[in-house]
Amino acid sequence: MHLLVHLTPADYDTWKADFDRDMEARMNAGLTLMQLWRDMDGTGVTALFEANNRKKASDWLENERRTGGSLDARFLRTA
């Protein structure tokens, strides 16, 4: 299963530093970062994770949503 997340941080550099520090929390949520993209206009970020535990990943998402900013996420499986 995969998790695709798109968000629009207020300040990319601050967000990226926080994101890098948050690696252990993502690992504890069963998430492995596969790819990270930044929109060409610099306003948005999209991340693709491998997720091995939907409940833990959902809990991580809820925590991320509380930190503010726009966040859209969906769980995906191979068709």
PDB file of N, CA and C in Angstrom:
ATOM      1  N   MET A   1       0.850  -1.162   0.000  1.00  0.00           N
ATOM      2  CA  MET A   1       0.000   0.000   0.000  1.00  0.00           C
ATOM      3  C   MET A   1       0.902   1.233   0.000  1.00  0.00           C
ATOM      4  N   HIS A   2       0.396   2.280  -0.631  1.00  0.00           N
ATOM      5  CA  HIS A   2       1.135   3.538  -0.695  1.00  0.00           C
ATOM      6  C   HIS A   2       0.271   4.674  -0.161  1.00  0.00           C
ATOM      7  N   LEU A   3       0.930   5.733   0.232  1.00  0.00           N
ATOM      8  CA  LEU A   3       0.258   6.935   0.686  1.00  0.00           C
ATOM      9  C   LEU A   3       0.816   8.094  -0.123  1.00  0.00           C
ATOM     10  N   LEU A   4      -0.079   8.809  -0.783  1.00  0.00           N
ATOM     11  CA  LEU A   4       0.297   9.979  -1.566  1.00  0.00           C
ATOM     12  C   LEU A   4      -0.204  11.210  -0.817  1.00  0.00           C
ATOM     13  N   VAL A   5       0.709  12.123  -0.516  1.00  0.00           N
ATOM     14  CA  VAL A   5       0.376  13.309   0.275  1.00  0.00           C
ATOM     15  C   VAL A   5       0.774  14.548  -0.515  1.00  0.00           C
ATOM     16  N   HIS A   6      -0.141  15.507  -0.597  1.00  0.00           N
ATOM     17  CA  HIS A   6       0.174  16.797  -1.203  1.00  0.00           C
ATOM     18  C   HIS A   6      -0.141  17.871  -0.169  1.00  0.00           C
ATOM     19  N   LEU A   7       0.805  18.776   0.027  1.00  0.00           N
ATOM     20  CA  LEU A   7       0.594  19.848   0.983  1.00  0.00           C
ATOM     21  C   LEU A   7       1.179  21.142   0.476  1.00  0.00           C
ATOM     22  N   THR A   8       0.713  22.219   1.066  1.00  0.00           N
ATOM     23  CA  THR A   8       1.183  23.546   0.693  1.00  0.00           C
ATOM     24  C   THR A   8       1.708  24.230   1.959  1.00  0.00           C
ATOM     25  N   PRO A   9       2.998  24.108   2.209  1.00  0.00           N
ATOM     26  CA  PRO A   9       3.546  24.733   3.418  1.00  0.00           C
ATOM     27  C   PRO A   9       3.628  26.248   3.262  1.00  0.00           C
ATOM     28  N   ALA A  10       3.510  26.948   4.388  1.00  0.00           N
ATOM     29  CA  ALA A  10       3.624  28.407   4.365  1.00  0.00           C
ATOM     30  C   ALA A  10       5.036  28.834   3.966  1.00  0.00           C
ATOM     31  N   ASP A  11       6.032  28.087   4.435  1.00  0.00           N
ATOM     32  CA  ASP A  11       7.429  28.383   4.126  1.00  0.00           C
ATOM     33  C   ASP A  11       8.140  27.058   3.867  1.00  0.00           C
ATOM     34  N   TYR A  12       8.571  26.838   2.645  1.00  0.00           N
ATOM     35  CA  TYR A  12       9.157  25.554   2.269  1.00  0.00           C
ATOM     36  C   TYR A  12      10.400  25.223   3.101  1.00  0.00           C
ATOM     37  N   ASP A  13      11.306  26.150   3.272  1.00  0.00           N
ATOM     38  CA  ASP A  13      12.558  25.855   3.972  1.00  0.00           C
ATOM     39  C   ASP A  13      12.305  25.421   5.411  1.00  0.00           C
ATOM     40  N   THR A  14      11.398  26.103   6.097  1.00  0.00           N
ATOM     41  CA  THR A  14      11.043  25.714   7.468  1.00  0.00           C
ATOM     42  C   THR A  14      10.382  24.348   7.470  1.00  0.00           C
ATOM     43  N   TRP A  15       9.434  24.134   6.542  1.00  0.00           N
ATOM     44  CA  TRP A  15       8.753  22.844   6.455  1.00  0.00           C
ATOM     45  C   TRP A  15       9.749  21.717   6.201  1.00  0.00           C
ATOM     46  N   LYS A  16      10.679  21.926   5.266  1.00  0.00           N
ATOM     47  CA  LYS A  16      11.634  20.871   4.903  1.00  0.00           C
ATOM     48  C   LYS A  16      12.529  20.513   6.083  1.00  0.00           C
ATOM     49  N   ALA A  17      12.966  21.509   6.844  1.00  0.00           N
ATOM     50  CA  ALA A  17      13.784  21.229   8.032  1.00  0.00           C
ATOM     51  C   ALA A  17      12.981  20.405   9.043  1.00  0.00           C
ATOM     52  N   ASP A  18      11.704  20.770   9.248  1.00  0.00           N
ATOM     53  CA  ASP A  18      10.843  19.995  10.156  1.00  0.00           C
ATOM     54  C   ASP A  18      10.607  18.592   9.619  1.00  0.00           C
ATOM     55  N   PHE A  19      10.387  18.484   8.319  1.00  0.00           N
ATOM     56  CA  PHE A  19      10.155  17.183   7.682  1.00  0.00           C
ATOM     57  C   PHE A  19      11.364  16.271   7.880  1.00  0.00           C
ATOM     58  N   ASP A  20      12.555  16.798   7.681  1.00  0.00           N
ATOM     59  CA  ASP A  20      13.765  16.000   7.854  1.00  0.00           C
ATOM     60  C   ASP A  20      13.925  15.541   9.301  1.00  0.00           C
ATOM     61  N   ARG A  21      13.579  16.393  10.258  1.00  0.00           N
ATOM     62  CA  ARG A  21      13.669  16.023  11.677  1.00  0.00           C
ATOM     63  C   ARG A  21      12.616  14.996  12.062  1.00  0.00           C
ATOM     64  N   ASP A  22      11.537  14.906  11.297  1.00  0.00           N
ATOM     65  CA  ASP A  22      10.395  14.038  11.619  1.00  0.00           C
ATOM     66  C   ASP A  22      10.551  12.609  11.089  1.00  0.00           C
ATOM     67  N   MET A  23      11.715  12.250  10.579  1.00  0.00           N
ATOM     68  CA  MET A  23      11.896  10.931   9.963  1.00  0.00           C
ATOM     69  C   MET A  23      11.571   9.785  10.925  1.00  0.00           C
ATOM     70  N   GLU A  24      11.975   9.886  12.162  1.00  0.00           N
ATOM     71  CA  GLU A  24      11.723   8.807  13.117  1.00  0.00           C
ATOM     72  C   GLU A  24      10.225   8.608  13.349  1.00  0.00           C
ATOM     73  N   ALA A  25       9.472   9.705  13.442  1.00  0.00           N
ATOM     74  CA  ALA A  25       8.018   9.600  13.622  1.00  0.00           C
ATOM     75  C   ALA A  25       7.370   8.912  12.424  1.00  0.00           C
ATOM     76  N   ARG A  26       7.838   9.242  11.221  1.00  0.00           N
ATOM     77  CA  ARG A  26       7.297   8.579  10.021  1.00  0.00           C
ATOM     78  C   ARG A  26       7.637   7.092  10.022  1.00  0.00           C
ATOM     79  N   MET A  27       8.852   6.774  10.408  1.00  0.00           N
ATOM     80  CA  MET A  27       9.248   5.353  10.470  1.00  0.00           C
ATOM     81  C   MET A  27       8.396   4.605  11.490  1.00  0.00           C
ATOM     82  N   ASN A  28       8.132   5.236  12.637  1.00  0.00           N
ATOM     83  CA  ASN A  28       7.293   4.612  13.665  1.00  0.00           C
ATOM     84  C   ASN A  28       5.854   4.444  13.194  1.00  0.00           C
ATOM     85  N   ALA A  29       5.454   5.260  12.226  1.00  0.00           N
ATOM     86  CA  ALA A  29       4.111   5.156  11.643  1.00  0.00           C
ATOM     87  C   ALA A  29       4.070   4.159  10.493  1.00  0.00           C
ATOM     88  N   GLY A  30       5.185   3.481  10.240  1.00  0.00           N
ATOM     89  CA  GLY A  30       5.223   2.489   9.169  1.00  0.00           C
ATOM     90  C   GLY A  30       5.348   3.094   7.789  1.00  0.00           C
ATOM     91  N   LEU A  31       5.886   4.312   7.702  1.00  0.00           N
ATOM     92  CA  LEU A  31       6.012   5.002   6.425  1.00  0.00           C
ATOM     93  C   LEU A  31       7.463   5.059   5.976  1.00  0.00           C
ATOM     94  N   THR A  32       7.677   4.751   4.710  1.00  0.00           N
ATOM     95  CA  THR A  32       8.986   4.873   4.089  1.00  0.00           C
ATOM     96  C   THR A  32       8.847   5.828   2.915  1.00  0.00           C
ATOM     97  N   LEU A  33       9.606   6.916   2.944  1.00  0.00           N
ATOM     98  CA  LEU A  33       9.548   7.890   1.857  1.00  0.00           C
ATOM     99  C   LEU A  33      10.152   7.283   0.603  1.00  0.00           C
ATOM    100  N   MET A  34       9.368   7.283  -0.470  1.00  0.00           N
ATOM    101  CA  MET A  34       9.847   6.762  -1.744  1.00  0.00           C
ATOM    102  C   MET A  34      10.266   7.888  -2.683  1.00  0.00           C
ATOM    103  N   GLN A  35       9.517   8.996  -2.645  1.00  0.00           N
ATOM    104  CA  GLN A  35       9.818  10.116  -3.540  1.00  0.00           C
ATOM    105  C   GLN A  35       9.229  11.381  -2.950  1.00  0.00           C
ATOM    106  N   LEU A  36       9.932  12.482  -3.137  1.00  0.00           N
ATOM    107  CA  LEU A  36       9.460  13.789  -2.698  1.00  0.00           C
ATOM    108  C   LEU A  36       9.610  14.751  -3.873  1.00  0.00           C
ATOM    109  N   TRP A  37       8.504  15.423  -4.227  1.00  0.00           N
ATOM    110  CA  TRP A  37       8.517  16.377  -5.330  1.00  0.00           C
ATOM    111  C   TRP A  37       8.118  17.752  -4.813  1.00  0.00           C
ATOM    112  N   ARG A  38       8.623  18.779  -5.488  1.00  0.00           N
ATOM    113  CA  ARG A  38       8.234  20.153  -5.201  1.00  0.00           C
ATOM    114  C   ARG A  38       7.637  20.733  -6.472  1.00  0.00           C
ATOM    115  N   ASP A  39       6.481  21.398  -6.349  1.00  0.00           N
ATOM    116  CA  ASP A  39       5.843  22.007  -7.514  1.00  0.00           C
ATOM    117  C   ASP A  39       6.800  22.973  -8.192  1.00  0.00           C
ATOM    118  N   MET A  40       6.703  23.089  -9.499  1.00  0.00           N
ATOM    119  CA  MET A  40       7.579  23.975 -10.260  1.00  0.00           C
ATOM    120  C   MET A  40       7.471  25.429  -9.805  1.00  0.00           C
ATOM    121  N   ASP A  41       6.285  25.831  -9.349  1.00  0.00           N
ATOM    122  CA  ASP A  41       6.136  27.211  -8.877  1.00  0.00           C
ATOM    123  C   ASP A  41       6.560  27.366  -7.419  1.00  0.00           C
ATOM    124  N   GLY A  42       6.959  26.267  -6.799  1.00  0.00           N
ATOM    125  CA  GLY A  42       7.494  26.318  -5.443  1.00  0.00           C
ATOM    126  C   GLY A  42       6.474  26.386  -4.331  1.00  0.00           C
ATOM    127  N   THR A  43       5.181  26.268  -4.640  1.00  0.00           N
ATOM    128  CA  THR A  43       4.165  26.423  -3.599  1.00  0.00           C
ATOM    129  C   THR A  43       3.755  25.123  -2.931  1.00  0.00           C
ATOM    130  N   GLY A  44       3.894  24.009  -3.605  1.00  0.00           N
ATOM    131  CA  GLY A  44       3.403  22.752  -3.056  1.00  0.00           C
ATOM    132  C   GLY A  44       4.456  21.670  -3.026  1.00  0.00           C
ATOM    133  N   VAL A  45       4.184  20.666  -2.209  1.00  0.00           N
ATOM    134  CA  VAL A  45       5.065  19.511  -2.058  1.00  0.00           C
ATOM    135  C   VAL A  45       4.196  18.264  -2.157  1.00  0.00           C
ATOM    136  N   THR A  46       4.692  17.256  -2.874  1.00  0.00           N
ATOM    137  CA  THR A  46       4.013  15.970  -2.962  1.00  0.00           C
ATOM    138  C   THR A  46       4.988  14.898  -2.533  1.00  0.00           C
ATOM    139  N   ALA A  47       4.518  14.004  -1.664  1.00  0.00           N
ATOM    140  CA  ALA A  47       5.355  12.917  -1.161  1.00  0.00           C
ATOM    141  C   ALA A  47       4.657  11.588  -1.407  1.00  0.00           C
ATOM    142  N   LEU A  48       5.435  10.613  -1.827  1.00  0.00           N
ATOM    143  CA  LEU A  48       4.938   9.254  -1.999  1.00  0.00           C
ATOM    144  C   LEU A  48       5.623   8.379  -0.962  1.00  0.00           C
ATOM    145  N   PHE A  49       4.823   7.717  -0.145  1.00  0.00           N
ATOM    146  CA  PHE A  49       5.330   6.829   0.893  1.00  0.00           C
ATOM    147  C   PHE A  49       4.869   5.405   0.642  1.00  0.00           C
ATOM    148  N   GLU A  50       5.676   4.452   1.023  1.00  0.00           N
ATOM    149  CA  GLU A  50       5.214   3.089   1.182  1.00  0.00           C
ATOM    150  C   GLU A  50       4.676   3.018   2.602  1.00  0.00           C
ATOM    151  N   ALA A  51       3.472   2.486   2.760  1.00  0.00           N
ATOM    152  CA  ALA A  51       2.826   2.416   4.076  1.00  0.00           C
ATOM    153  C   ALA A  51       2.574   0.962   4.429  1.00  0.00           C
ATOM    154  N   ASN A  52       3.107   0.522   5.563  1.00  0.00           N
ATOM    155  CA  ASN A  52       2.891  -0.879   5.931  1.00  0.00           C
ATOM    156  C   ASN A  52       1.868  -1.059   7.045  1.00  0.00           C
ATOM    157  N   ASN A  53       1.299   0.059   7.553  1.00  0.00           N
ATOM    158  CA  ASN A  53       0.281  -0.024   8.593  1.00  0.00           C
ATOM    159  C   ASN A  53      -0.669   1.159   8.428  1.00  0.00           C
ATOM    160  N   ARG A  54      -1.848   0.895   7.906  1.00  0.00           N
ATOM    161  CA  ARG A  54      -2.770   1.995   7.594  1.00  0.00           C
ATOM    162  C   ARG A  54      -3.200   2.760   8.839  1.00  0.00           C
ATOM    163  N   LYS A  55      -3.449   2.080   9.929  1.00  0.00           N
ATOM    164  CA  LYS A  55      -3.887   2.743  11.159  1.00  0.00           C
ATOM    165  C   LYS A  55      -2.811   3.709  11.662  1.00  0.00           C
ATOM    166  N   LYS A  56      -1.573   3.243  11.734  1.00  0.00           N
ATOM    167  CA  LYS A  56      -0.484   4.109  12.199  1.00  0.00           C
ATOM    168  C   LYS A  56      -0.268   5.278  11.239  1.00  0.00           C
ATOM    169  N   ALA A  57      -0.348   5.006   9.941  1.00  0.00           N
ATOM    170  CA  ALA A  57      -0.175   6.069   8.951  1.00  0.00           C
ATOM    171  C   ALA A  57      -1.310   7.092   9.053  1.00  0.00           C
ATOM    172  N   SER A  58      -2.527   6.635   9.286  1.00  0.00           N
ATOM    173  CA  SER A  58      -3.667   7.544   9.453  1.00  0.00           C
ATOM    174  C   SER A  58      -3.488   8.415  10.688  1.00  0.00           C
ATOM    175  N   ASP A  59      -2.994   7.823  11.762  1.00  0.00           N
ATOM    176  CA  ASP A  59      -2.729   8.598  12.977  1.00  0.00           C
ATOM    177  C   ASP A  59      -1.663   9.663  12.705  1.00  0.00           C
ATOM    178  N   TRP A  60      -0.627   9.303  11.966  1.00  0.00           N
ATOM    179  CA  TRP A  60       0.418  10.264  11.610  1.00  0.00           C
ATOM    180  C   TRP A  60      -0.176  11.411  10.786  1.00  0.00           C
ATOM    181  N   LEU A  61      -1.059  11.066   9.830  1.00  0.00           N
ATOM    182  CA  LEU A  61      -1.704  12.089   9.004  1.00  0.00           C
ATOM    183  C   LEU A  61      -2.522  13.058   9.847  1.00  0.00           C
ATOM    184  N   GLU A  62      -3.271  12.543  10.810  1.00  0.00           N
ATOM    185  CA  GLU A  62      -4.076  13.409  11.666  1.00  0.00           C
ATOM    186  C   GLU A  62      -3.187  14.375  12.438  1.00  0.00           C
ATOM    187  N   ASN A  63      -2.066  13.906  12.902  1.00  0.00           N
ATOM    188  CA  ASN A  63      -1.119  14.775  13.597  1.00  0.00           C
ATOM    189  C   ASN A  63      -0.587  15.853  12.647  1.00  0.00           C
ATOM    190  N   GLU A  64      -0.265  15.476  11.422  1.00  0.00           N
ATOM    191  CA  GLU A  64       0.229  16.430  10.433  1.00  0.00           C
ATOM    192  C   GLU A  64      -0.831  17.482  10.101  1.00  0.00           C
ATOM    193  N   ARG A  65      -2.077  17.074  10.040  1.00  0.00           N
ATOM    194  CA  ARG A  65      -3.161  18.020   9.730  1.00  0.00           C
ATOM    195  C   ARG A  65      -3.312  19.064  10.825  1.00  0.00           C
ATOM    196  N   ARG A  66      -3.012  18.698  12.053  1.00  0.00           N
ATOM    197  CA  ARG A  66      -3.130  19.636  13.173  1.00  0.00           C
ATOM    198  C   ARG A  66      -2.039  20.706  13.146  1.00  0.00           C
ATOM    199  N   THR A  67      -0.966  20.465  12.405  1.00  0.00           N
ATOM    200  CA  THR A  67       0.123  21.437  12.376  1.00  0.00           C
ATOM    201  C   THR A  67      -0.178  22.604  11.451  1.00  0.00           C
ATOM    202  N   GLY A  68      -1.292  22.540  10.733  1.00  0.00           N
ATOM    203  CA  GLY A  68      -1.703  23.657   9.882  1.00  0.00           C
ATOM    204  C   GLY A  68      -1.305  23.458   8.433  1.00  0.00           C
ATOM    205  N   GLY A  69      -1.814  24.338   7.603  1.00  0.00           N
ATOM    206  CA  GLY A  69      -1.537  24.248   6.175  1.00  0.00           C
ATOM    207  C   GLY A  69      -2.474  23.282   5.484  1.00  0.00           C
ATOM    208  N   SER A  70      -2.520  23.389   4.191  1.00  0.00           N
ATOM    209  CA  SER A  70      -3.361  22.539   3.372  1.00  0.00           C
ATOM    210  C   SER A  70      -2.694  21.185   3.183  1.00  0.00           C
ATOM    211  N   LEU A  71      -3.436  20.108   3.407  1.00  0.00           N
ATOM    212  CA  LEU A  71      -2.895  18.762   3.243  1.00  0.00           C
ATOM    213  C   LEU A  71      -3.963  17.862   2.641  1.00  0.00           C
ATOM    214  N   ASP A  72      -3.624  17.196   1.546  1.00  0.00           N
ATOM    215  CA  ASP A  72      -4.519  16.232   0.903  1.00  0.00           C
ATOM    216  C   ASP A  72      -3.773  14.912   0.845  1.00  0.00           C
ATOM    217  N   ALA A  73      -4.422  13.835   1.252  1.00  0.00           N
ATOM    218  CA  ALA A  73      -3.752  12.540   1.279  1.00  0.00           C
ATOM    219  C   ALA A  73      -4.709  11.449   0.846  1.00  0.00           C
ATOM    220  N   ARG A  74      -4.132  10.427   0.225  1.00  0.00           N
ATOM    221  CA  ARG A  74      -4.931   9.241  -0.129  1.00  0.00           C
ATOM    222  C   ARG A  74      -4.067   8.005  -0.110  1.00  0.00           C
ATOM    223  N   PHE A  75      -4.683   6.926   0.337  1.00  0.00           N
ATOM    224  CA  PHE A  75      -4.023   5.630   0.318  1.00  0.00           C
ATOM    225  C   PHE A  75      -4.292   4.986  -1.029  1.00  0.00           C
ATOM    226  N   LEU A  76      -3.268   4.350  -1.587  1.00  0.00           N
ATOM    227  CA  LEU A  76      -3.360   3.749  -2.919  1.00  0.00           C
ATOM    228  C   LEU A  76      -2.874   2.310  -2.883  1.00  0.00           C
ATOM    229  N   ARG A  77      -3.395   1.530  -3.798  1.00  0.00           N
ATOM    230  CA  ARG A  77      -2.870   0.174  -4.011  1.00  0.00           C
ATOM    231  C   ARG A  77      -2.702  -0.039  -5.500  1.00  0.00           C
ATOM    232  N   THR A  78      -1.861  -0.974  -5.845  1.00  0.00           N
ATOM    233  CA  THR A  78      -1.631  -1.284  -7.248  1.00  0.00           C
ATOM    234  C   THR A  78      -2.908  -1.842  -7.856  1.00  0.00           C
ATOM    235  N   ALA A  79      -3.284  -1.344  -9.017  1.00  0.00           N
ATOM    236  CA  ALA A  79      -4.522  -1.799  -9.678  1.00  0.00           C
ATOM    237  C   ALA A  79      -4.263  -3.045 -10.474  1.00  0.00           C
TER     238      ALA A  79
END
